Amino acid sequence: GIRNYNYSIQQKYEKELASLRNIMRHYVYQIDSLDQLNKFLVAENIQIRDDHDRIKTEMDVVVEKNDELELVIEGASIVKTSNIGFKFFNKRGKETEKSSKFEKIETFFTLVANDLAESGPRRVYLRIIRPDGFVLTEGQTFDHREKKISYTASRDIIYENQNLAVSIFYDVAEQLILGKYFVEIYMDGNKIGENSFTLSK
């Protein structure tokens, strides 16, 4: 009877052992699968990180190009001037060459046609800078790049994207010194033209 008993216990254990082996095999298989999956996920993760970096780089380039384009467009919408010239008048309103007789200076120019510019009313500012660097002014200023700048005279105009001839007059309030005078024209917060004239007599 004991042998039979031993035999049945052995069988029972062998069955359990086989069952445990089965379970273990299943776990080994699962571990292997997880390992495979992990390797796949690591590879995918690296791929995702690469993609992310690439996309970020591409986006940076796009942002940079966009900024450049905005600057180009902004630059393209600035109204320029051409043919800046000067006339000098005595107190009778006659043109004169004698600087001692100057009572009025006319600065004339053309605001050039530009379809990209905004149309509408504008103020144009004129700065006449003496040879010693001081601006001919009665103390008036305008805002330019967060600074206040002295100017000589201004003129309100209506710009309609067409060529527009403009004259700005300055009544001379002082004896003008001889030498080279620099002239600057501003509109919409931009310097849109410059020229110079020289007084020699």
N, C-alpha and C. Protein backbone atom coordinates (compact mmCIF):
# COMPACT_ATOMS: atom_id res chain seq x y z
N GLY A 1 0.82 -1.19 0.00
CA GLY A 1 0.00 0.00 0.00
C GLY A 1 0.86 1.26 0.00
N ILE A 2 2.00 1.22 0.75
CA ILE A 2 2.84 2.42 0.84
C ILE A 2 3.40 2.76 -0.52
N ARG A 3 3.82 1.73 -1.28
CA ARG A 3 4.38 1.99 -2.60
C ARG A 3 3.35 2.69 -3.48
N ASN A 4 2.12 2.17 -3.43
CA ASN A 4 1.03 2.79 -4.20
C ASN A 4 0.83 4.23 -3.79
N TYR A 5 0.85 4.40 -2.49
CA TYR A 5 0.66 5.74 -1.94
C TYR A 5 1.77 6.67 -2.43
N ASN A 6 3.02 6.16 -2.32
CA ASN A 6 4.17 6.94 -2.79
C ASN A 6 4.07 7.27 -4.28
N TYR A 7 3.63 6.29 -5.02
CA TYR A 7 3.51 6.46 -6.46
C TYR A 7 2.49 7.56 -6.80
N SER A 8 1.35 7.51 -6.09
CA SER A 8 0.31 8.51 -6.39
C SER A 8 0.79 9.91 -5.98
N ILE A 9 1.52 10.02 -4.87
CA ILE A 9 2.06 11.32 -4.44
C ILE A 9 3.06 11.83 -5.49
N GLN A 10 3.94 10.89 -5.94
CA GLN A 10 4.93 11.26 -6.96
C GLN A 10 4.24 11.78 -8.22
N GLN A 11 3.19 11.04 -8.59
CA GLN A 11 2.43 11.47 -9.78
C GLN A 11 1.84 12.86 -9.58
N LYS A 12 1.29 13.02 -8.38
CA LYS A 12 0.69 14.33 -8.05
C LYS A 12 1.75 15.44 -8.18
N TYR A 13 2.96 15.16 -7.60
CA TYR A 13 4.02 16.16 -7.67
C TYR A 13 4.49 16.41 -9.10
N GLU A 14 4.59 15.29 -9.84
CA GLU A 14 5.03 15.46 -11.23
C GLU A 14 4.03 16.28 -12.04
N LYS A 15 2.74 16.04 -11.75
CA LYS A 15 1.69 16.83 -12.40
C LYS A 15 1.85 18.31 -12.06
N GLU A 16 2.03 18.55 -10.74
CA GLU A 16 2.19 19.95 -10.28
C GLU A 16 3.42 20.58 -10.91
N LEU A 17 4.50 19.75 -10.96
CA LEU A 17 5.76 20.25 -11.53
C LEU A 17 5.55 20.62 -13.01
N ALA A 18 4.86 19.71 -13.73
CA ALA A 18 4.58 19.97 -15.16
C ALA A 18 3.76 21.24 -15.30
N SER A 19 2.80 21.37 -14.39
CA SER A 19 1.93 22.55 -14.43
C SER A 19 2.76 23.81 -14.15
N LEU A 20 3.64 23.72 -13.15
CA LEU A 20 4.50 24.87 -12.82
C LEU A 20 5.44 25.20 -13.98
N ARG A 21 5.97 24.11 -14.60
CA ARG A 21 6.85 24.33 -15.76
C ARG A 21 6.11 25.07 -16.87
N ASN A 22 4.87 24.63 -17.06
CA ASN A 22 4.01 25.28 -18.07
C ASN A 22 3.84 26.76 -17.77
N ILE A 23 3.50 27.00 -16.49
CA ILE A 23 3.31 28.40 -16.07
C ILE A 23 4.59 29.18 -16.29
N MET A 24 5.74 28.55 -15.91
CA MET A 24 7.03 29.23 -16.06
C MET A 24 7.32 29.52 -17.53
N ARG A 25 7.03 28.51 -18.38
CA ARG A 25 7.25 28.71 -19.81
C ARG A 25 6.44 29.91 -20.31
N HIS A 26 5.22 29.97 -19.81
CA HIS A 26 4.32 31.08 -20.18
C HIS A 26 4.95 32.42 -19.77
N TYR A 27 5.48 32.44 -18.52
CA TYR A 27 6.12 33.67 -18.04
C TYR A 27 7.37 34.02 -18.86
N VAL A 28 8.17 33.01 -19.14
CA VAL A 28 9.38 33.24 -19.96
C VAL A 28 8.97 33.85 -21.30
N TYR A 29 7.91 33.27 -21.86
CA TYR A 29 7.40 33.77 -23.14
C TYR A 29 6.94 35.24 -23.00
N GLN A 30 6.21 35.48 -21.88
CA GLN A 30 5.71 36.85 -21.63
C GLN A 30 6.88 37.83 -21.45
N ILE A 31 7.89 37.39 -20.67
CA ILE A 31 9.07 38.24 -20.44
C ILE A 31 9.74 38.54 -21.78
N ASP A 32 9.87 37.51 -22.59
CA ASP A 32 10.48 37.67 -23.90
C ASP A 32 9.69 38.68 -24.74
N SER A 33 8.35 38.51 -24.71
CA SER A 33 7.48 39.43 -25.46
C SER A 33 7.66 40.86 -24.97
N LEU A 34 7.67 41.01 -23.63
CA LEU A 34 7.82 42.34 -23.04
C LEU A 34 9.18 42.94 -23.41
N ASP A 35 10.18 42.07 -23.41
CA ASP A 35 11.52 42.52 -23.79
C ASP A 35 11.52 43.02 -25.24
N GLN A 36 10.88 42.22 -26.11
CA GLN A 36 10.75 42.62 -27.52
C GLN A 36 10.02 43.96 -27.63
N LEU A 37 8.90 44.04 -26.90
CA LEU A 37 8.07 45.25 -26.92
C LEU A 37 8.89 46.45 -26.43
N ASN A 38 9.62 46.21 -25.35
CA ASN A 38 10.45 47.27 -24.77
C ASN A 38 11.47 47.78 -25.79
N LYS A 39 12.13 46.83 -26.45
CA LYS A 39 13.11 47.20 -27.48
C LYS A 39 12.43 48.03 -28.57
N PHE A 40 11.24 47.57 -28.95
CA PHE A 40 10.48 48.27 -29.99
C PHE A 40 10.12 49.69 -29.51
N LEU A 41 9.66 49.79 -28.25
CA LEU A 41 9.26 51.09 -27.70
C LEU A 41 10.46 52.02 -27.58
N VAL A 42 11.60 51.48 -27.16
CA VAL A 42 12.82 52.30 -27.07
C VAL A 42 13.16 52.85 -28.45
N ALA A 43 13.12 51.97 -29.45
CA ALA A 43 13.42 52.40 -30.83
C ALA A 43 12.41 53.46 -31.27
N GLU A 44 11.12 53.19 -30.95
CA GLU A 44 10.07 54.12 -31.34
C GLU A 44 10.26 55.46 -30.62
N ASN A 45 10.64 55.37 -29.36
CA ASN A 45 10.86 56.56 -28.55
C ASN A 45 11.98 57.42 -29.14
N ILE A 46 13.07 56.75 -29.53
CA ILE A 46 14.20 57.45 -30.16
C ILE A 46 13.72 58.12 -31.45
N GLN A 47 12.91 57.34 -32.22
CA GLN A 47 12.36 57.86 -33.47
C GLN A 47 11.51 59.11 -33.19
N ILE A 48 10.65 58.99 -32.15
CA ILE A 48 9.77 60.10 -31.79
C ILE A 48 10.61 61.32 -31.37
N ARG A 49 11.66 61.05 -30.58
CA ARG A 49 12.52 62.15 -30.12
C ARG A 49 13.21 62.82 -31.32
N ASP A 50 13.68 61.98 -32.26
CA ASP A 50 14.31 62.51 -33.48
C ASP A 50 13.32 63.35 -34.27
N ASP A 51 12.11 62.79 -34.44
CA ASP A 51 11.05 63.52 -35.16
C ASP A 51 10.78 64.85 -34.48
N HIS A 52 10.67 64.80 -33.15
CA HIS A 52 10.37 66.00 -32.35
C HIS A 52 11.45 67.06 -32.59
N ASP A 53 12.72 66.63 -32.51
CA ASP A 53 13.84 67.56 -32.73
C ASP A 53 13.81 68.13 -34.15
N ARG A 54 13.55 67.23 -35.10
CA ARG A 54 13.52 67.67 -36.50
C ARG A 54 12.40 68.70 -36.71
N ILE A 55 11.21 68.37 -36.17
CA ILE A 55 10.06 69.26 -36.34
C ILE A 55 10.34 70.61 -35.67
N LYS A 56 10.97 70.55 -34.48
CA LYS A 56 11.28 71.80 -33.75
C LYS A 56 12.26 72.65 -34.57
N THR A 57 13.28 71.98 -35.13
CA THR A 57 14.25 72.69 -35.96
C THR A 57 13.55 73.31 -37.17
N GLU A 58 12.69 72.50 -37.82
CA GLU A 58 11.96 73.00 -38.99
C GLU A 58 11.09 74.19 -38.61
N MET A 59 10.46 74.09 -37.43
CA MET A 59 9.58 75.16 -36.97
C MET A 59 10.38 76.43 -36.70
N ASP A 60 11.56 76.27 -36.09
CA ASP A 60 12.43 77.43 -35.84
C ASP A 60 12.78 78.12 -37.15
N VAL A 61 13.10 77.30 -38.17
CA VAL A 61 13.45 77.85 -39.49
C VAL A 61 12.25 78.62 -40.06
N VAL A 62 11.05 78.02 -39.93
CA VAL A 62 9.83 78.67 -40.45
C VAL A 62 9.60 80.00 -39.74
N VAL A 63 9.75 79.99 -38.40
CA VAL A 63 9.56 81.22 -37.61
C VAL A 63 10.54 82.29 -38.06
N GLU A 64 11.81 81.87 -38.25
CA GLU A 64 12.86 82.80 -38.68
C GLU A 64 12.51 83.39 -40.05
N LYS A 65 12.10 82.50 -40.98
CA LYS A 65 11.75 82.96 -42.34
C LYS A 65 10.57 83.92 -42.27
N ASN A 66 9.62 83.60 -41.39
CA ASN A 66 8.43 84.43 -41.22
C ASN A 66 8.82 85.82 -40.75
N ASP A 67 9.74 85.87 -39.75
CA ASP A 67 10.22 87.16 -39.24
C ASP A 67 10.90 87.95 -40.36
N GLU A 68 11.74 87.23 -41.14
CA GLU A 68 12.44 87.89 -42.26
C GLU A 68 11.44 88.46 -43.26
N LEU A 69 10.42 87.65 -43.58
CA LEU A 69 9.40 88.08 -44.54
C LEU A 69 8.66 89.30 -44.03
N GLU A 70 8.31 89.27 -42.72
CA GLU A 70 7.61 90.41 -42.14
C GLU A 70 8.43 91.68 -42.29
N LEU A 71 9.75 91.54 -42.07
CA LEU A 71 10.64 92.70 -42.22
C LEU A 71 10.67 93.17 -43.67
N VAL A 72 10.72 92.20 -44.60
CA VAL A 72 10.74 92.53 -46.03
C VAL A 72 9.46 93.28 -46.40
N ILE A 73 8.32 92.73 -45.92
CA ILE A 73 7.01 93.35 -46.23
C ILE A 73 6.94 94.75 -45.62
N GLU A 74 7.40 94.84 -44.35
CA GLU A 74 7.42 96.13 -43.66
C GLU A 74 8.27 97.13 -44.45
N GLY A 75 9.46 96.66 -44.88
CA GLY A 75 10.36 97.50 -45.67
C GLY A 75 9.72 97.91 -46.99
N ALA A 76 9.02 96.95 -47.61
CA ALA A 76 8.41 97.20 -48.92
C ALA A 76 7.25 98.19 -48.83
N SER A 77 6.66 98.32 -47.62
CA SER A 77 5.49 99.20 -47.50
C SER A 77 5.88 100.64 -47.13
N ILE A 78 7.20 100.88 -46.98
CA ILE A 78 7.65 102.25 -46.67
C ILE A 78 7.58 103.10 -47.94
N VAL A 79 6.99 104.29 -47.79
CA VAL A 79 6.92 105.24 -48.92
C VAL A 79 8.27 105.94 -49.01
N LYS A 80 8.86 105.93 -50.19
CA LYS A 80 10.17 106.57 -50.38
C LYS A 80 9.98 107.95 -51.03
N THR A 81 11.08 108.74 -50.99
CA THR A 81 11.05 110.04 -51.67
C THR A 81 12.03 110.03 -52.84
N SER A 82 11.77 110.89 -53.81
CA SER A 82 12.75 111.07 -54.89
C SER A 82 12.83 112.55 -55.24
N ASN A 83 13.87 112.91 -55.97
CA ASN A 83 14.06 114.28 -56.48
C ASN A 83 13.92 115.35 -55.40
N ILE A 84 14.70 115.21 -54.32
CA ILE A 84 14.64 116.23 -53.27
C ILE A 84 15.46 117.44 -53.72
N GLY A 85 14.84 118.62 -53.70
CA GLY A 85 15.53 119.84 -54.12
C GLY A 85 15.16 121.02 -53.24
N PHE A 86 15.81 122.16 -53.48
CA PHE A 86 15.62 123.33 -52.62
C PHE A 86 15.50 124.60 -53.45
N LYS A 87 14.67 125.55 -52.94
CA LYS A 87 14.62 126.90 -53.49
C LYS A 87 14.70 127.87 -52.32
N PHE A 88 15.31 129.04 -52.57
CA PHE A 88 15.50 130.03 -51.50
C PHE A 88 14.86 131.35 -51.94
N PHE A 89 14.10 131.96 -51.04
CA PHE A 89 13.36 133.19 -51.39
C PHE A 89 13.72 134.33 -50.46
N ASN A 90 13.73 135.57 -51.05
CA ASN A 90 13.92 136.76 -50.22
C ASN A 90 12.57 137.23 -49.67
N LYS A 91 12.58 138.38 -48.98
CA LYS A 91 11.33 138.76 -48.30
C LYS A 91 10.22 139.18 -49.28
N ARG A 92 10.59 139.46 -50.52
CA ARG A 92 9.56 139.80 -51.51
C ARG A 92 9.03 138.55 -52.22
N GLY A 93 9.53 137.38 -51.78
CA GLY A 93 9.05 136.13 -52.38
C GLY A 93 9.73 135.80 -53.69
N LYS A 94 10.83 136.52 -54.01
CA LYS A 94 11.59 136.23 -55.23
C LYS A 94 12.72 135.25 -54.89
N GLU A 95 13.01 134.37 -55.85
CA GLU A 95 14.13 133.42 -55.64
C GLU A 95 15.43 134.20 -55.57
N THR A 96 16.31 133.79 -54.65
CA THR A 96 17.59 134.47 -54.51
C THR A 96 18.70 133.47 -54.22
N GLU A 97 19.93 133.85 -54.55
CA GLU A 97 21.09 133.00 -54.28
C GLU A 97 21.83 133.47 -53.04
N LYS A 98 21.54 134.72 -52.61
CA LYS A 98 22.30 135.32 -51.51
C LYS A 98 21.78 134.82 -50.16
N SER A 99 22.63 134.06 -49.45
CA SER A 99 22.16 133.47 -48.20
C SER A 99 21.81 134.53 -47.14
N SER A 100 22.43 135.71 -47.25
CA SER A 100 22.12 136.77 -46.28
C SER A 100 20.70 137.29 -46.46
N LYS A 101 20.13 137.06 -47.65
CA LYS A 101 18.78 137.57 -47.95
C LYS A 101 17.69 136.50 -47.76
N PHE A 102 18.10 135.26 -47.41
CA PHE A 102 17.10 134.18 -47.32
C PHE A 102 16.05 134.48 -46.24
N GLU A 103 14.79 134.47 -46.67
CA GLU A 103 13.68 134.62 -45.72
C GLU A 103 12.88 133.32 -45.64
N LYS A 104 12.97 132.53 -46.71
CA LYS A 104 12.16 131.30 -46.78
C LYS A 104 12.94 130.23 -47.55
N ILE A 105 12.90 129.00 -47.03
CA ILE A 105 13.50 127.87 -47.75
C ILE A 105 12.39 126.91 -48.14
N GLU A 106 12.34 126.55 -49.42
CA GLU A 106 11.38 125.54 -49.87
C GLU A 106 12.14 124.23 -50.12
N THR A 107 11.70 123.18 -49.46
CA THR A 107 12.23 121.84 -49.76
C THR A 107 11.13 121.11 -50.54
N PHE A 108 11.44 120.69 -51.76
CA PHE A 108 10.41 119.99 -52.57
C PHE A 108 10.90 118.59 -52.91
N PHE A 109 9.98 117.69 -53.04
CA PHE A 109 10.30 116.28 -53.33
C PHE A 109 9.05 115.56 -53.80
N THR A 110 9.25 114.33 -54.25
CA THR A 110 8.11 113.49 -54.65
C THR A 110 8.00 112.31 -53.68
N LEU A 111 6.81 112.11 -53.14
CA LEU A 111 6.53 110.87 -52.42
C LEU A 111 6.20 109.83 -53.49
N VAL A 112 6.96 108.75 -53.54
CA VAL A 112 6.87 107.80 -54.65
C VAL A 112 5.66 106.87 -54.48
N ALA A 113 5.02 106.54 -55.60
CA ALA A 113 3.88 105.62 -55.59
C ALA A 113 4.30 104.28 -55.02
N ASN A 114 3.47 103.73 -54.13
CA ASN A 114 3.76 102.41 -53.53
C ASN A 114 2.43 101.75 -53.16
N ASP A 115 2.09 100.69 -53.91
CA ASP A 115 0.81 100.00 -53.68
C ASP A 115 0.76 99.29 -52.33
N LEU A 116 1.94 98.96 -51.77
CA LEU A 116 1.96 98.22 -50.51
C LEU A 116 1.79 99.13 -49.29
N ALA A 117 1.93 100.43 -49.51
CA ALA A 117 1.82 101.38 -48.40
C ALA A 117 0.34 101.63 -48.07
N GLU A 118 0.12 102.05 -46.84
CA GLU A 118 -1.24 102.40 -46.43
C GLU A 118 -1.57 103.76 -47.02
N SER A 119 -2.78 103.92 -47.54
CA SER A 119 -3.16 105.23 -48.06
C SER A 119 -3.87 106.01 -46.94
N GLY A 120 -3.96 107.33 -47.14
CA GLY A 120 -4.66 108.13 -46.14
C GLY A 120 -3.86 109.33 -45.70
N PRO A 121 -4.40 110.07 -44.71
CA PRO A 121 -3.72 111.28 -44.25
C PRO A 121 -2.41 110.96 -43.55
N ARG A 122 -1.42 111.83 -43.75
CA ARG A 122 -0.10 111.63 -43.16
C ARG A 122 0.47 112.99 -42.76
N ARG A 123 1.45 112.92 -41.85
CA ARG A 123 2.23 114.13 -41.57
C ARG A 123 3.67 113.85 -41.97
N VAL A 124 4.23 114.77 -42.76
CA VAL A 124 5.63 114.64 -43.21
C VAL A 124 6.46 115.66 -42.42
N TYR A 125 7.58 115.18 -41.89
CA TYR A 125 8.45 116.05 -41.08
C TYR A 125 9.74 116.36 -41.83
N LEU A 126 10.20 117.59 -41.72
CA LEU A 126 11.43 118.04 -42.37
C LEU A 126 12.42 118.48 -41.29
N ARG A 127 13.65 117.98 -41.41
CA ARG A 127 14.72 118.43 -40.50
C ARG A 127 15.83 119.06 -41.35
N ILE A 128 16.15 120.30 -41.07
CA ILE A 128 17.30 120.95 -41.72
C ILE A 128 18.36 121.10 -40.62
N ILE A 129 19.50 120.44 -40.84
CA ILE A 129 20.56 120.41 -39.83
C ILE A 129 21.70 121.33 -40.26
N ARG A 130 21.99 122.29 -39.42
CA ARG A 130 23.04 123.28 -39.74
C ARG A 130 24.42 122.62 -39.82
N PRO A 131 25.40 123.33 -40.41
CA PRO A 131 26.77 122.77 -40.48
C PRO A 131 27.35 122.43 -39.10
N ASP A 132 26.89 123.13 -38.04
CA ASP A 132 27.42 122.85 -36.70
C ASP A 132 26.65 121.74 -35.99
N GLY A 133 25.71 121.10 -36.72
CA GLY A 133 25.01 119.94 -36.16
C GLY A 133 23.69 120.26 -35.47
N PHE A 134 23.38 121.55 -35.31
CA PHE A 134 22.10 121.91 -34.68
C PHE A 134 20.98 121.94 -35.71
N VAL A 135 19.78 121.58 -35.26
CA VAL A 135 18.62 121.58 -36.16
C VAL A 135 18.00 122.97 -36.17
N LEU A 136 17.64 123.45 -37.36
CA LEU A 136 16.85 124.69 -37.45
C LEU A 136 15.46 124.34 -36.94
N THR A 137 15.08 124.89 -35.78
CA THR A 137 13.81 124.51 -35.18
C THR A 137 13.30 125.60 -34.26
N GLU A 138 12.00 125.59 -34.03
CA GLU A 138 11.42 126.49 -33.03
C GLU A 138 11.04 125.67 -31.80
N GLY A 139 11.73 124.52 -31.63
CA GLY A 139 11.53 123.72 -30.41
C GLY A 139 10.55 122.57 -30.56
N GLN A 140 9.96 122.41 -31.75
CA GLN A 140 8.96 121.35 -31.91
C GLN A 140 9.65 119.98 -32.11
N THR A 141 9.00 118.92 -31.64
CA THR A 141 9.58 117.56 -31.76
C THR A 141 8.53 116.56 -32.25
N PHE A 142 9.02 115.43 -32.77
CA PHE A 142 8.12 114.30 -33.08
C PHE A 142 8.77 113.03 -32.53
N ASP A 143 7.95 111.98 -32.37
CA ASP A 143 8.46 110.72 -31.81
C ASP A 143 9.05 109.86 -32.91
N HIS A 144 10.28 109.40 -32.67
CA HIS A 144 10.95 108.51 -33.63
C HIS A 144 11.71 107.45 -32.84
N ARG A 145 11.28 106.17 -33.01
CA ARG A 145 11.93 105.05 -32.31
C ARG A 145 12.10 105.35 -30.82
N GLU A 146 11.00 105.71 -30.17
CA GLU A 146 10.95 105.96 -28.72
C GLU A 146 11.82 107.13 -28.27
N LYS A 147 12.17 108.01 -29.21
CA LYS A 147 12.91 109.22 -28.82
C LYS A 147 12.17 110.42 -29.39
N LYS A 148 12.37 111.56 -28.76
CA LYS A 148 11.80 112.79 -29.31
C LYS A 148 12.88 113.46 -30.16
N ILE A 149 12.51 113.81 -31.40
CA ILE A 149 13.48 114.40 -32.33
C ILE A 149 12.98 115.80 -32.72
N SER A 150 13.91 116.77 -32.70
CA SER A 150 13.57 118.14 -33.14
C SER A 150 13.38 118.15 -34.64
N TYR A 151 12.42 118.97 -35.09
CA TYR A 151 12.28 119.11 -36.54
C TYR A 151 12.07 120.57 -36.91
N THR A 152 12.26 120.84 -38.19
CA THR A 152 12.24 122.21 -38.70
C THR A 152 10.82 122.64 -39.08
N ALA A 153 10.13 121.79 -39.83
CA ALA A 153 8.77 122.11 -40.29
C ALA A 153 8.06 120.81 -40.63
N SER A 154 6.74 120.88 -40.72
CA SER A 154 5.98 119.67 -41.10
C SER A 154 4.86 120.06 -42.05
N ARG A 155 4.26 119.06 -42.64
CA ARG A 155 3.19 119.31 -43.60
C ARG A 155 2.24 118.12 -43.57
N ASP A 156 0.94 118.40 -43.51
CA ASP A 156 -0.06 117.33 -43.58
C ASP A 156 -0.44 117.10 -45.03
N ILE A 157 -0.44 115.82 -45.41
CA ILE A 157 -0.76 115.49 -46.81
C ILE A 157 -1.74 114.31 -46.81
N ILE A 158 -2.29 114.01 -47.98
CA ILE A 158 -3.08 112.78 -48.12
C ILE A 158 -2.38 111.95 -49.19
N TYR A 159 -1.93 110.77 -48.78
CA TYR A 159 -1.19 109.89 -49.70
C TYR A 159 -2.15 108.85 -50.26
N GLU A 160 -2.19 108.75 -51.58
CA GLU A 160 -3.13 107.80 -52.21
C GLU A 160 -2.40 106.80 -53.09
N ASN A 161 -1.20 106.38 -52.64
CA ASN A 161 -0.40 105.37 -53.34
C ASN A 161 0.07 105.80 -54.73
N GLN A 162 -0.14 107.07 -55.06
CA GLN A 162 0.34 107.62 -56.33
C GLN A 162 1.53 108.53 -56.03
N ASN A 163 2.34 108.83 -57.07
CA ASN A 163 3.37 109.86 -56.92
C ASN A 163 2.72 111.15 -56.45
N LEU A 164 3.31 111.78 -55.44
CA LEU A 164 2.73 113.01 -54.91
C LEU A 164 3.84 114.05 -54.71
N ALA A 165 3.70 115.18 -55.40
CA ALA A 165 4.69 116.26 -55.25
C ALA A 165 4.36 117.03 -53.97
N VAL A 166 5.39 117.22 -53.14
CA VAL A 166 5.20 117.90 -51.86
C VAL A 166 6.25 119.00 -51.71
N SER A 167 5.82 120.15 -51.17
CA SER A 167 6.77 121.21 -50.80
C SER A 167 6.56 121.53 -49.33
N ILE A 168 7.66 121.67 -48.60
CA ILE A 168 7.57 122.11 -47.20
C ILE A 168 8.39 123.39 -47.08
N PHE A 169 7.76 124.43 -46.53
CA PHE A 169 8.43 125.72 -46.41
C PHE A 169 8.90 125.96 -44.98
N TYR A 170 10.05 126.61 -44.88
CA TYR A 170 10.56 127.03 -43.57
C TYR A 170 10.86 128.52 -43.62
N ASP A 171 10.23 129.27 -42.69
CA ASP A 171 10.53 130.70 -42.58
C ASP A 171 11.80 130.87 -41.77
N VAL A 172 12.84 131.38 -42.42
CA VAL A 172 14.15 131.52 -41.77
C VAL A 172 14.05 132.56 -40.65
N ALA A 173 14.42 132.13 -39.43
CA ALA A 173 14.27 133.02 -38.27
C ALA A 173 15.62 133.49 -37.74
N GLU A 174 16.69 133.20 -38.47
CA GLU A 174 18.04 133.54 -37.96
C GLU A 174 18.97 133.81 -39.13
N GLN A 175 20.10 134.39 -38.83
CA GLN A 175 21.13 134.56 -39.85
C GLN A 175 21.76 133.19 -40.10
N LEU A 176 21.71 132.70 -41.32
CA LEU A 176 22.22 131.36 -41.61
C LEU A 176 23.75 131.37 -41.74
N ILE A 177 24.39 130.40 -41.10
CA ILE A 177 25.85 130.31 -41.20
C ILE A 177 26.22 129.61 -42.51
N LEU A 178 27.41 129.88 -43.00
CA LEU A 178 27.85 129.26 -44.26
C LEU A 178 28.28 127.81 -44.00
N GLY A 179 28.22 126.99 -45.04
CA GLY A 179 28.63 125.59 -44.92
C GLY A 179 27.55 124.65 -45.45
N LYS A 180 27.71 123.37 -45.12
CA LYS A 180 26.83 122.33 -45.66
C LYS A 180 25.68 122.02 -44.70
N TYR A 181 24.47 122.08 -45.22
CA TYR A 181 23.26 121.76 -44.45
C TYR A 181 22.73 120.40 -44.88
N PHE A 182 22.47 119.54 -43.91
CA PHE A 182 21.89 118.21 -44.22
C PHE A 182 20.38 118.27 -44.00
N VAL A 183 19.66 117.65 -44.92
CA VAL A 183 18.20 117.70 -44.84
C VAL A 183 17.65 116.27 -44.80
N GLU A 184 16.76 116.03 -43.85
CA GLU A 184 16.15 114.70 -43.69
C GLU A 184 14.63 114.83 -43.73
N ILE A 185 14.00 113.83 -44.34
CA ILE A 185 12.52 113.80 -44.41
C ILE A 185 12.03 112.52 -43.73
N TYR A 186 11.05 112.68 -42.87
CA TYR A 186 10.49 111.55 -42.10
C TYR A 186 8.99 111.44 -42.33
N MET A 187 8.51 110.17 -42.36
CA MET A 187 7.07 109.92 -42.40
C MET A 187 6.81 108.53 -41.85
N ASP A 188 5.72 108.35 -41.15
CA ASP A 188 5.35 107.04 -40.57
C ASP A 188 6.47 106.49 -39.67
N GLY A 189 7.21 107.38 -39.03
CA GLY A 189 8.27 106.91 -38.12
C GLY A 189 9.53 106.44 -38.82
N ASN A 190 9.60 106.64 -40.15
CA ASN A 190 10.80 106.23 -40.89
C ASN A 190 11.45 107.44 -41.56
N LYS A 191 12.80 107.38 -41.66
CA LYS A 191 13.47 108.40 -42.47
C LYS A 191 13.30 107.97 -43.92
N ILE A 192 12.66 108.81 -44.72
CA ILE A 192 12.31 108.36 -46.09
C ILE A 192 13.09 109.10 -47.17
N GLY A 193 13.96 110.01 -46.75
CA GLY A 193 14.79 110.69 -47.76
C GLY A 193 15.77 111.64 -47.11
N GLU A 194 16.88 111.89 -47.81
CA GLU A 194 17.85 112.87 -47.31
C GLU A 194 18.62 113.47 -48.48
N ASN A 195 19.05 114.71 -48.26
CA ASN A 195 19.85 115.41 -49.25
C ASN A 195 20.61 116.51 -48.51
N SER A 196 21.31 117.35 -49.25
CA SER A 196 22.03 118.44 -48.58
C SER A 196 22.16 119.63 -49.54
N PHE A 197 22.39 120.79 -48.96
CA PHE A 197 22.73 121.97 -49.78
C PHE A 197 23.85 122.72 -49.06
N THR A 198 24.61 123.50 -49.83
CA THR A 198 25.74 124.23 -49.25
C THR A 198 25.55 125.72 -49.47
N LEU A 199 25.72 126.50 -48.41
CA LEU A 199 25.67 127.95 -48.51
C LEU A 199 27.11 128.47 -48.54
N SER A 200 27.44 129.19 -49.62
CA SER A 200 28.83 129.67 -49.73
C SER A 200 28.91 131.19 -49.79
N LYS A 201 27.73 131.85 -49.85
CA LYS A 201 27.78 133.33 -49.84
C LYS A 201 26.52 133.92 -49.24
